[in-house]
Amino acid sequence: MTSIHSASDSVMIVAGEASGDLHGAGLVKAMLEGRPGLHFFGMGGRELKRAGVEVVCDADKLAVMGLTEIFSVLKDILTALRILKKEMRARKPRLLVLIDFADFNIRLAREAERCGIPVFYYITPKVWVWRKRRVNQLARYVNTAGVILPFEEEYLCNKGVNAEYVGNPVLDAVHVNMERSEFCRKYNIDFSKTLVGILPGSRRKEISSLLPVFLEAARRMQLKYSKEIAFLIPLASSLSIADLQKNGLQDYQNELDIHVLSGDRYETMAACDAVVAASGTVTLELAVLDIPMVVTYKVDPVTYFVARFLINIPFFSLVNIIAGKSVVTELLQDQVTSAAVEIELARILFDENVRQYMKKDFQDIRHALGGPGASLKAAELAFRTMA
């Protein structure tokens, strides 16, 4: 059902994954501070809803990874595209804001160009990684791009995209409001224990691929080391406890001291002595929080086979990409085993030299990202782009 809001005060925003939902919410809040009368509608999840966006399509159904998994939600993807195009044509918003979610959002950008609606792409597709021809679509259909990695501005501008580095929204989002001792008291966690974070991602496919491996690595650590360890799992907003239970959590709860926490995400991460994580935005969040990590990436075999011929970069974690060198250990595909995870976690937990070198590199990465204020800078770009 179309809103009564007129085009003069409406903005369409589309985010398809948990990180885009979070950073999109930051952008919406910043834009509303500048122009309180704006009305936002589009696609998103819990965070965009909380920011006041009228969500006409729920993004949680569409967050997938890998070529084969796309087919399981293809009907939902096509339905969402149809609904959003229809809403765009009917409402004629002053601006279309797109956040990551490349193939889906580029189709919306093309539709917006046909309708004469300006497009602001915040957090652009990683065209420098693979399928580089998509940069031509960005140049054609996107009026302005707000990029969040320092090297992206020059790369995209050289390809004809009107891009500007706004800083990284992680620096705006990451706030810790409790000391570790207070956090442990709140959640009844033994403060004297070594705390290890288990972050298997925000997509159900990631959970099914990685959580069983991470939990078995946790069991191996518990048996091998005399130090008592508690394992913390911050629950992503796109997931439920049932998603964890059916992917191994229930089998390990009696053996391990595991705490699944649905609130205080950054406090949970900051309390950890080390973390094993799925590759993604979370790696930058951990670097900002100064938490040593092991990073993993695992997709279905078909996707991996295809990607090997299309992707030619030395690293896959954002931390190492920004640093331009190996700062954190990356475990890729068949390397993601419980034994490897346990060994690498032990290394960053118990070797103080390794921890200190990693933290020194984290400091350099934070410096490269610049200061906070990405949401405000992105809002300024959006306003300049707006019809």
Protein backbone atom coordinates (compact mmCIF):
# COMPACT_ATOMS: atom_id res chain seq x y z
CA MET A 1 0.00 0.00 0.00
CA THR A 2 1.45 3.32 -1.08
CA SER A 3 2.08 5.99 1.58
CA ILE A 4 0.34 9.36 1.57
CA HIS A 5 3.74 11.09 1.73
CA SER A 6 4.54 13.13 -1.35
CA ALA A 7 7.67 12.87 -3.48
CA SER A 8 8.87 16.20 -2.06
CA ASP A 9 9.61 14.64 1.32
CA SER A 10 10.22 10.94 0.54
CA VAL A 11 13.44 8.97 0.21
CA MET A 12 13.64 5.34 -0.83
CA ILE A 13 16.36 3.29 0.88
CA VAL A 14 17.32 -0.31 0.15
CA ALA A 15 19.62 -2.49 2.29
CA GLY A 16 19.80 -6.24 1.97
CA GLU A 17 22.08 -7.50 4.74
CA ALA A 18 22.67 -7.02 8.48
CA SER A 19 25.65 -4.65 8.13
CA GLY A 20 23.87 -2.58 5.49
CA ASP A 21 20.79 -2.45 7.70
CA LEU A 22 22.90 -1.14 10.60
CA HIS A 23 24.82 1.47 8.60
CA GLY A 24 21.70 2.47 6.70
CA ALA A 25 20.04 3.23 10.01
CA GLY A 26 22.94 5.52 10.89
CA LEU A 27 22.51 7.35 7.60
CA VAL A 28 18.74 7.72 8.09
CA LYS A 29 19.25 9.20 11.56
CA ALA A 30 21.82 11.66 10.23
CA MET A 31 19.54 12.72 7.37
CA LEU A 32 16.59 13.16 9.71
CA GLU A 33 18.71 15.39 11.93
CA GLY A 34 19.35 17.61 8.92
CA ARG A 35 15.80 17.43 7.52
CA PRO A 36 13.30 16.16 10.09
CA GLY A 37 10.40 16.17 7.63
CA LEU A 38 11.78 13.41 5.40
CA HIS A 39 9.92 10.12 5.12
CA PHE A 40 11.92 6.97 4.38
CA PHE A 41 10.55 3.79 2.84
CA GLY A 42 12.06 0.75 1.18
CA MET A 43 13.76 -2.52 2.15
CA GLY A 44 15.65 -3.29 5.32
CA GLY A 45 15.67 -5.12 8.61
CA ARG A 46 15.35 -4.45 12.30
CA GLU A 47 17.72 -1.47 12.48
CA LEU A 48 16.12 0.48 9.64
CA LYS A 49 12.68 -0.16 11.15
CA ARG A 50 13.93 1.21 14.47
CA ALA A 51 15.25 4.29 12.66
CA GLY A 52 11.73 4.98 11.42
CA VAL A 53 11.87 3.57 7.89
CA GLU A 54 8.62 2.26 6.43
CA VAL A 55 9.81 -1.20 5.42
CA VAL A 56 7.77 -2.50 2.48
CA CYS A 57 10.10 -5.50 1.92
CA ASP A 58 11.81 -7.44 4.72
CA ALA A 59 15.50 -7.91 3.95
CA ASP A 60 16.03 -10.82 6.32
CA LYS A 61 14.65 -13.32 3.79
CA LEU A 62 17.14 -12.28 1.12
CA ALA A 63 20.50 -12.33 2.92
CA VAL A 64 22.27 -15.19 1.15
CA MET A 65 25.81 -16.05 0.08
CA GLY A 66 26.99 -18.26 -2.73
CA LEU A 67 25.71 -19.02 -6.20
CA THR A 68 23.75 -22.13 -5.30
CA GLU A 69 21.99 -20.63 -2.28
CA ILE A 70 20.55 -17.81 -4.39
CA PHE A 71 18.24 -20.28 -6.12
CA SER A 72 16.54 -21.10 -2.81
CA VAL A 73 15.37 -17.50 -2.41
CA LEU A 74 15.14 -16.49 -6.06
CA LYS A 75 11.36 -16.18 -5.90
CA ASP A 76 11.62 -13.87 -2.87
CA ILE A 77 14.30 -11.79 -4.59
CA LEU A 78 12.23 -11.32 -7.74
CA THR A 79 9.12 -10.50 -5.69
CA ALA A 80 11.03 -7.88 -3.68
CA LEU A 81 12.42 -6.32 -6.87
CA ARG A 82 8.95 -6.12 -8.38
CA ILE A 83 7.46 -4.53 -5.25
CA LEU A 84 10.25 -1.97 -4.90
CA LYS A 85 10.13 -0.96 -8.58
CA LYS A 86 6.38 -0.52 -8.31
CA GLU A 87 6.71 1.59 -5.16
CA MET A 88 9.44 3.68 -6.78
CA ARG A 89 7.33 4.43 -9.82
CA ALA A 90 4.23 5.20 -7.75
CA ARG A 91 5.85 7.41 -5.11
CA LYS A 92 8.59 9.03 -7.22
CA PRO A 93 10.92 9.73 -4.26
CA ARG A 94 13.37 12.60 -4.34
CA LEU A 95 16.26 10.18 -3.89
CA LEU A 96 17.06 6.48 -4.04
CA VAL A 97 19.64 5.39 -1.46
CA LEU A 98 21.27 2.02 -2.13
CA ILE A 99 23.44 0.17 0.37
CA ASP A 100 25.72 -2.63 -0.87
CA PHE A 101 23.69 -5.73 -2.04
CA ALA A 102 25.19 -5.31 -5.50
CA ASP A 103 23.23 -7.18 -8.17
CA PHE A 104 19.85 -6.43 -6.61
CA ASN A 105 20.55 -2.74 -6.10
CA ILE A 106 22.11 -2.12 -9.51
CA ARG A 107 18.81 -3.23 -11.04
CA LEU A 108 17.02 -0.66 -8.89
CA ALA A 109 19.52 2.01 -9.92
CA ARG A 110 18.75 1.28 -13.56
CA GLU A 111 15.02 1.62 -12.88
CA ALA A 112 15.60 4.90 -11.04
CA GLU A 113 17.52 6.30 -14.02
CA ARG A 114 14.54 5.48 -16.24
CA CYS A 115 12.24 7.29 -13.80
CA GLY A 116 14.51 10.35 -13.49
CA ILE A 117 15.20 9.67 -9.78
CA PRO A 118 18.73 10.50 -8.58
CA VAL A 119 20.70 7.65 -7.00
CA PHE A 120 23.06 7.81 -4.03
CA TYR A 121 24.99 4.55 -3.55
CA TYR A 122 26.30 4.30 0.02
CA ILE A 123 28.75 1.41 0.55
CA THR A 124 29.30 0.45 -3.07
CA PRO A 125 29.79 -3.09 -4.43
CA LYS A 126 33.35 -4.38 -4.16
CA VAL A 127 33.97 -4.10 -7.89
CA TRP A 128 37.70 -4.06 -7.24
CA VAL A 129 37.42 -7.70 -6.09
CA TRP A 130 35.46 -9.37 -8.88
CA ARG A 131 33.04 -8.74 -11.74
CA LYS A 132 34.82 -5.46 -12.37
CA ARG A 133 32.59 -4.66 -15.34
CA ARG A 134 29.90 -3.65 -12.85
CA VAL A 135 31.82 -0.41 -12.40
CA ASN A 136 30.44 0.68 -15.78
CA GLN A 137 26.92 0.26 -14.41
CA LEU A 138 27.81 2.38 -11.39
CA ALA A 139 29.15 5.10 -13.65
CA ARG A 140 25.99 5.04 -15.77
CA TYR A 141 23.21 4.72 -13.20
CA VAL A 142 24.60 6.22 -9.96
CA ASN A 143 24.76 9.99 -9.48
CA THR A 144 26.92 9.90 -6.37
CA ALA A 145 28.74 7.14 -4.49
CA GLY A 146 29.76 7.38 -0.85
CA VAL A 147 32.60 4.90 -0.32
CA ILE A 148 33.85 3.58 3.02
CA LEU A 149 37.30 2.16 2.26
CA PRO A 150 40.14 4.66 1.76
CA PHE A 151 41.37 3.36 -1.62
CA GLU A 152 37.90 3.09 -3.21
CA GLU A 153 37.52 6.79 -4.05
CA GLU A 154 40.51 6.95 -6.39
CA TYR A 155 39.72 3.55 -7.92
CA LEU A 156 36.11 4.44 -8.75
CA CYS A 157 36.80 8.01 -9.85
CA ASN A 158 39.36 6.69 -12.33
CA LYS A 159 36.60 4.47 -13.74
CA GLY A 160 34.18 7.37 -14.21
CA VAL A 161 32.16 7.04 -11.00
CA ASN A 162 31.40 10.21 -9.02
CA ALA A 163 32.74 8.81 -5.75
CA GLU A 164 33.78 10.37 -2.47
CA TYR A 165 35.31 8.77 0.63
CA VAL A 166 33.09 9.56 3.62
CA GLY A 167 34.99 7.58 6.25
CA ASN A 168 33.95 4.23 7.65
CA PRO A 169 30.62 3.91 9.50
CA VAL A 170 32.14 1.32 11.80
CA LEU A 171 33.81 4.21 13.61
CA ASP A 172 30.36 5.72 14.24
CA ALA A 173 28.65 2.46 15.18
CA VAL A 174 31.18 0.95 17.58
CA HIS A 175 30.58 2.24 21.08
CA VAL A 176 31.26 0.43 24.35
CA ASN A 177 29.33 1.61 27.39
CA MET A 178 30.45 -0.96 29.98
CA GLU A 179 33.74 -2.08 31.43
CA ARG A 180 34.47 -5.78 31.10
CA SER A 181 33.82 -6.38 34.79
CA GLU A 182 30.41 -4.70 34.63
CA PHE A 183 29.54 -6.62 31.46
CA CYS A 184 30.46 -9.94 33.07
CA ARG A 185 28.37 -9.19 36.15
CA LYS A 186 25.36 -8.25 34.02
CA TYR A 187 25.45 -11.55 32.11
CA ASN A 188 26.69 -13.78 34.95
CA ILE A 189 29.98 -14.56 33.23
CA ASP A 190 32.99 -15.59 35.33
CA PHE A 191 35.29 -12.58 35.09
CA SER A 192 38.39 -14.69 35.86
CA LYS A 193 37.96 -16.89 32.79
CA THR A 194 39.56 -16.38 29.40
CA LEU A 195 36.80 -15.10 27.10
CA VAL A 196 36.70 -16.26 23.49
CA GLY A 197 34.24 -14.81 21.00
CA ILE A 198 32.51 -17.02 18.43
CA LEU A 199 31.13 -14.92 15.54
CA PRO A 200 29.94 -17.21 12.73
CA GLY A 201 28.23 -14.49 10.69
CA SER A 202 24.77 -13.06 10.14
CA ARG A 203 23.51 -15.31 7.33
CA ARG A 204 21.99 -18.73 7.91
CA LYS A 205 24.32 -20.31 5.36
CA GLU A 206 27.32 -18.95 7.24
CA ILE A 207 25.93 -20.37 10.48
CA SER A 208 25.47 -23.84 9.02
CA SER A 209 28.98 -23.81 7.50
CA LEU A 210 30.95 -22.25 10.33
CA LEU A 211 29.24 -22.65 13.70
CA PRO A 212 29.77 -26.44 13.99
CA VAL A 213 33.47 -25.96 13.19
CA PHE A 214 33.84 -23.12 15.69
CA LEU A 215 32.08 -25.09 18.44
CA GLU A 216 34.25 -28.16 17.90
CA ALA A 217 37.33 -25.90 18.04
CA ALA A 218 35.99 -24.53 21.33
CA ARG A 219 35.63 -28.09 22.68
CA ARG A 220 39.19 -28.90 21.65
CA MET A 221 40.45 -25.80 23.45
CA GLN A 222 38.53 -26.65 26.58
CA LEU A 223 40.08 -30.15 26.66
CA LYS A 224 43.61 -29.06 25.72
CA TYR A 225 44.28 -26.04 27.90
CA SER A 226 44.17 -25.88 31.65
CA LYS A 227 42.90 -22.31 31.62
CA GLU A 228 39.18 -22.08 32.08
CA ILE A 229 37.48 -20.56 29.06
CA ALA A 230 34.04 -19.06 28.47
CA PHE A 231 32.72 -18.70 24.94
CA LEU A 232 30.59 -15.71 23.93
CA ILE A 233 28.28 -15.66 20.89
CA PRO A 234 26.68 -12.29 20.03
CA LEU A 235 23.45 -13.08 18.18
CA ALA A 236 23.10 -11.17 14.91
CA SER A 237 19.85 -9.24 14.49
CA SER A 238 19.02 -11.30 11.39
CA LEU A 239 19.15 -14.60 13.32
CA SER A 240 17.29 -16.39 16.11
CA ILE A 241 18.56 -18.68 18.85
CA ALA A 242 16.89 -21.53 16.94
CA ASP A 243 19.28 -20.93 14.03
CA LEU A 244 22.18 -21.61 16.40
CA GLN A 245 20.51 -24.54 18.14
CA LYS A 246 19.91 -26.49 14.95
CA ASN A 247 23.51 -25.93 13.81
CA GLY A 248 25.28 -27.49 16.77
CA LEU A 249 24.80 -25.21 19.76
CA GLN A 250 22.49 -27.63 21.54
CA ASP A 251 25.08 -30.43 21.24
CA TYR A 252 27.80 -28.43 22.98
CA GLN A 253 25.93 -26.49 25.66
CA ASN A 254 26.46 -29.17 28.30
CA GLU A 255 30.19 -29.43 27.58
CA LEU A 256 31.15 -25.77 27.32
CA ASP A 257 30.53 -22.53 29.17
CA ILE A 258 28.68 -20.82 26.29
CA HIS A 259 26.79 -17.53 26.51
CA VAL A 260 24.55 -16.42 23.64
CA LEU A 261 23.88 -12.69 23.93
CA SER A 262 21.29 -10.81 21.91
CA GLY A 263 22.11 -7.37 23.34
CA ASP A 264 25.23 -5.30 24.02
CA ARG A 265 26.94 -6.53 20.86
CA TYR A 266 30.01 -4.31 21.07
CA GLU A 267 30.39 -4.82 24.81
CA THR A 268 30.39 -8.55 24.12
CA MET A 269 33.10 -8.22 21.49
CA ALA A 270 35.17 -5.82 23.60
CA ALA A 271 35.12 -8.22 26.55
CA CYS A 272 36.77 -11.00 24.52
CA ASP A 273 40.45 -11.88 24.76
CA ALA A 274 40.31 -13.26 21.20
CA VAL A 275 37.69 -14.03 18.54
CA VAL A 276 37.14 -16.38 15.64
CA ALA A 277 34.91 -14.67 13.08
CA ALA A 278 33.36 -15.02 9.66
CA SER A 279 34.84 -12.55 7.20
CA GLY A 280 32.92 -9.30 6.87
CA THR A 281 32.39 -5.91 8.47
CA VAL A 282 32.81 -7.49 11.89
CA THR A 283 36.56 -7.77 11.29
CA LEU A 284 36.83 -3.98 11.14
CA GLU A 285 34.66 -3.69 14.25
CA LEU A 286 37.03 -6.01 16.09
CA ALA A 287 40.07 -4.06 14.86
CA VAL A 288 38.51 -0.82 16.14
CA LEU A 289 37.94 -2.55 19.48
CA ASP A 290 41.54 -3.84 19.48
CA ILE A 291 40.53 -7.51 19.76
CA PRO A 292 42.87 -10.15 18.24
CA MET A 293 41.07 -12.39 15.74
CA VAL A 294 41.17 -15.31 13.38
CA VAL A 295 39.11 -14.72 10.21
CA THR A 296 37.40 -17.44 8.18
CA TYR A 297 35.59 -17.64 4.87
CA LYS A 298 33.73 -20.68 3.57
CA VAL A 299 31.16 -20.97 0.79
CA ASP A 300 29.60 -23.86 -1.08
CA PRO A 301 32.05 -25.71 -3.38
CA VAL A 302 30.44 -24.50 -6.62
CA THR A 303 30.73 -20.83 -5.61
CA TYR A 304 34.32 -21.34 -4.52
CA PHE A 305 35.24 -23.11 -7.76
CA VAL A 306 33.86 -20.24 -9.83
CA ALA A 307 35.31 -17.52 -7.59
CA ARG A 308 38.83 -18.91 -7.92
CA PHE A 309 38.81 -17.88 -11.58
CA LEU A 310 37.20 -14.48 -11.03
CA ILE A 311 38.86 -13.11 -7.91
CA ASN A 312 42.52 -12.14 -7.83
CA ILE A 313 43.33 -10.40 -4.57
CA PRO A 314 45.89 -11.51 -1.97
CA PHE A 315 43.52 -11.25 1.03
CA PHE A 316 39.82 -11.62 1.74
CA SER A 317 39.49 -9.98 5.16
CA LEU A 318 38.92 -6.22 5.24
CA VAL A 319 41.57 -5.85 7.93
CA ASN A 320 44.30 -7.29 5.72
CA ILE A 321 43.01 -5.56 2.58
CA ILE A 322 43.21 -2.12 4.22
CA ALA A 323 46.59 -2.86 5.80
CA GLY A 324 47.94 -4.23 2.53
CA LYS A 325 49.59 -7.09 4.40
CA SER A 326 48.81 -10.10 6.56
CA VAL A 327 47.76 -8.74 9.95
CA VAL A 328 45.30 -11.46 10.96
CA THR A 329 45.30 -15.15 10.04
CA GLU A 330 42.85 -16.00 7.25
CA LEU A 331 41.45 -19.52 6.94
CA LEU A 332 39.82 -20.11 3.55
CA GLN A 333 37.47 -22.89 2.50
CA ASP A 334 39.09 -26.31 3.27
CA GLN A 335 41.46 -24.60 5.72
CA VAL A 336 38.47 -23.91 7.98
CA THR A 337 38.78 -26.92 10.29
CA SER A 338 38.30 -27.21 14.03
CA ALA A 339 41.98 -28.10 14.47
CA ALA A 340 43.18 -25.05 12.52
CA VAL A 341 40.80 -22.70 14.34
CA GLU A 342 41.89 -24.07 17.71
CA ILE A 343 45.59 -23.70 16.87
CA GLU A 344 45.23 -20.13 15.60
CA LEU A 345 43.05 -19.07 18.51
CA ALA A 346 45.61 -20.47 20.95
CA ARG A 347 48.36 -18.55 19.16
CA ILE A 348 46.64 -15.17 19.49
CA LEU A 349 45.49 -15.94 23.03
CA PHE A 350 48.70 -17.14 24.60
CA ASP A 351 51.57 -15.65 22.55
CA GLU A 352 51.95 -12.10 23.83
CA ASN A 353 54.30 -11.08 20.99
CA VAL A 354 51.72 -12.09 18.39
CA ARG A 355 49.01 -10.17 20.25
CA GLN A 356 51.08 -7.01 20.51
CA TYR A 357 52.14 -7.01 16.85
CA MET A 358 48.53 -7.48 15.81
CA LYS A 359 47.33 -4.64 18.04
CA LYS A 360 50.03 -2.34 16.65
CA ASP A 361 48.73 -3.05 13.14
CA PHE A 362 45.16 -2.42 14.30
CA GLN A 363 46.26 1.04 15.39
CA ASP A 364 47.58 1.76 11.89
CA ILE A 365 44.32 0.51 10.35
CA ARG A 366 42.26 2.80 12.59
CA HIS A 367 44.45 5.70 11.53
CA ALA A 368 43.93 4.83 7.84
CA LEU A 369 40.15 4.84 8.29
CA GLY A 370 40.18 8.41 9.60
CA GLY A 371 37.90 9.75 12.27
CA PRO A 372 34.20 9.19 12.99
CA GLY A 373 31.43 11.03 11.18
CA ALA A 374 30.81 8.81 8.14
CA SER A 375 27.04 8.92 8.58
CA LEU A 376 27.01 12.72 8.67
CA LYS A 377 29.30 13.00 5.63
CA ALA A 378 27.18 10.47 3.77
CA ALA A 379 24.07 12.46 4.68
CA GLU A 380 25.64 15.61 3.23
CA LEU A 381 26.40 13.75 -0.01
CA ALA A 382 22.84 12.43 -0.10
CA PHE A 383 21.41 15.92 0.28
CA ARG A 384 23.64 17.19 -2.54
CA THR A 385 22.40 14.37 -4.74
CA MET A 386 18.73 14.79 -3.87
CA ALA A 387 16.42 16.22 -6.52
